[in-house]
Amino acid sequence: MEQKLRGKDYGTRLIKAIEDEARKFGATRSYLDTMSFQAPGFYRACGYEEFGSIEGYPGGVTRHWFTKAL
């Protein structure tokens, strides 16, 4: 994300809207994956818990899986 857009809660509001829409469809749990250079800290801050990871991608990158009860 561009620096000028950080800290304005766009991402947090988008995740909340997605979760709210999923609840309307009867979803009770959400899961996602992200890479270590992307946003694992953001998803933790949104209440997601890591349930797995795979290390060893090129450049020292790790893939992370997260879940959250809705």
C-alpha atoms as a PDB file:
ATOM      1  CA  MET A   1       0.000   0.000   0.000  1.00  0.00           C
ATOM      2  CA  GLU A   2       1.206   3.484  -0.717  1.00  0.00           C
ATOM      3  CA  GLN A   3       2.551   5.319   2.312  1.00  0.00           C
ATOM      4  CA  LYS A   4       0.114   8.227   1.856  1.00  0.00           C
ATOM      5  CA  LEU A   5      -2.805   5.824   2.400  1.00  0.00           C
ATOM      6  CA  ARG A   6      -1.435   4.170   5.545  1.00  0.00           C
ATOM      7  CA  GLY A   7      -2.911   4.988   8.936  1.00  0.00           C
ATOM      8  CA  LYS A   8      -6.294   6.091   7.593  1.00  0.00           C
ATOM      9  CA  ASP A   9      -8.092   2.842   8.573  1.00  0.00           C
ATOM     10  CA  TYR A  10      -8.988   1.937   4.976  1.00  0.00           C
ATOM     11  CA  GLY A  11      -7.714  -1.604   5.406  1.00  0.00           C
ATOM     12  CA  THR A  12      -9.381  -2.111   8.776  1.00  0.00           C
ATOM     13  CA  ARG A  13     -12.705  -0.806   7.471  1.00  0.00           C
ATOM     14  CA  LEU A  14     -12.457  -3.030   4.395  1.00  0.00           C
ATOM     15  CA  ILE A  15     -11.780  -6.163   6.491  1.00  0.00           C
ATOM     16  CA  LYS A  16     -14.717  -5.300   8.773  1.00  0.00           C
ATOM     17  CA  ALA A  17     -17.026  -4.828   5.767  1.00  0.00           C
ATOM     18  CA  ILE A  18     -15.922  -8.172   4.302  1.00  0.00           C
ATOM     19  CA  GLU A  19     -16.480  -9.922   7.646  1.00  0.00           C
ATOM     20  CA  ASP A  20     -19.903  -8.292   8.065  1.00  0.00           C
ATOM     21  CA  GLU A  21     -20.922  -9.401   4.573  1.00  0.00           C
ATOM     22  CA  ALA A  22     -19.695 -12.941   5.247  1.00  0.00           C
ATOM     23  CA  ARG A  23     -21.818 -13.074   8.427  1.00  0.00           C
ATOM     24  CA  LYS A  24     -24.892 -12.161   6.342  1.00  0.00           C
ATOM     25  CA  PHE A  25     -24.258 -15.327   4.340  1.00  0.00           C
ATOM     26  CA  GLY A  26     -23.981 -17.390   7.514  1.00  0.00           C
ATOM     27  CA  ALA A  27     -20.195 -17.629   7.699  1.00  0.00           C
ATOM     28  CA  THR A  28     -18.875 -18.352  11.188  1.00  0.00           C
ATOM     29  CA  ARG A  29     -15.139 -18.363  10.468  1.00  0.00           C
ATOM     30  CA  SER A  30     -12.770 -16.563   8.148  1.00  0.00           C
ATOM     31  CA  TYR A  31      -9.348 -17.627   6.945  1.00  0.00           C
ATOM     32  CA  LEU A  32      -6.705 -16.057   4.753  1.00  0.00           C
ATOM     33  CA  ASP A  33      -3.110 -16.372   3.747  1.00  0.00           C
ATOM     34  CA  THR A  34      -0.472 -13.719   3.299  1.00  0.00           C
ATOM     35  CA  MET A  35       3.256 -13.538   2.757  1.00  0.00           C
ATOM     36  CA  SER A  36       5.708 -12.220   5.341  1.00  0.00           C
ATOM     37  CA  PHE A  37       6.496  -9.143   3.231  1.00  0.00           C
ATOM     38  CA  GLN A  38       2.815  -8.267   2.922  1.00  0.00           C
ATOM     39  CA  ALA A  39       0.595  -7.871   5.973  1.00  0.00           C
ATOM     40  CA  PRO A  40       0.790 -10.502   8.737  1.00  0.00           C
ATOM     41  CA  GLY A  41       0.946  -7.813  11.421  1.00  0.00           C
ATOM     42  CA  PHE A  42      -2.128  -6.095  10.010  1.00  0.00           C
ATOM     43  CA  TYR A  43      -4.183  -9.299  10.172  1.00  0.00           C
ATOM     44  CA  ARG A  44      -3.032  -9.971  13.745  1.00  0.00           C
ATOM     45  CA  ALA A  45      -4.155  -6.444  14.660  1.00  0.00           C
ATOM     46  CA  CYS A  46      -7.571  -7.262  13.128  1.00  0.00           C
ATOM     47  CA  GLY A  47      -7.950 -10.213  15.500  1.00  0.00           C
ATOM     48  CA  TYR A  48      -6.752 -13.035  13.248  1.00  0.00           C
ATOM     49  CA  GLU A  49      -4.734 -15.884  14.754  1.00  0.00           C
ATOM     50  CA  GLU A  50      -1.984 -17.649  12.850  1.00  0.00           C
ATOM     51  CA  PHE A  51      -2.534 -21.383  12.452  1.00  0.00           C
ATOM     52  CA  GLY A  52       0.297 -22.285  10.127  1.00  0.00           C
ATOM     53  CA  SER A  53       3.229 -21.109   8.087  1.00  0.00           C
ATOM     54  CA  ILE A  54       5.689 -22.382   5.513  1.00  0.00           C
ATOM     55  CA  GLU A  55       9.201 -20.990   5.409  1.00  0.00           C
ATOM     56  CA  GLY A  56      11.685 -21.315   2.606  1.00  0.00           C
ATOM     57  CA  TYR A  57      10.272 -19.209  -0.189  1.00  0.00           C
ATOM     58  CA  PRO A  58      12.855 -17.300  -2.239  1.00  0.00           C
ATOM     59  CA  GLY A  59      14.308 -14.279  -0.481  1.00  0.00           C
ATOM     60  CA  GLY A  60      13.578 -15.648   2.988  1.00  0.00           C
ATOM     61  CA  VAL A  61       9.829 -15.155   2.585  1.00  0.00           C
ATOM     62  CA  THR A  62       7.321 -17.092   4.709  1.00  0.00           C
ATOM     63  CA  ARG A  63       3.677 -17.801   3.870  1.00  0.00           C
ATOM     64  CA  HIS A  64       1.285 -17.410   6.825  1.00  0.00           C
ATOM     65  CA  TRP A  65      -2.273 -18.720   7.316  1.00  0.00           C
ATOM     66  CA  PHE A  66      -4.681 -16.937   9.655  1.00  0.00           C
ATOM     67  CA  THR A  67      -8.190 -17.585  10.958  1.00  0.00           C
ATOM     68  CA  LYS A  68     -10.789 -15.706  12.962  1.00  0.00           C
ATOM     69  CA  ALA A  69     -14.169 -16.625  14.397  1.00  0.00           C
ATOM     70  CA  LEU A  70     -16.887 -14.412  12.999  1.00  0.00           C
END
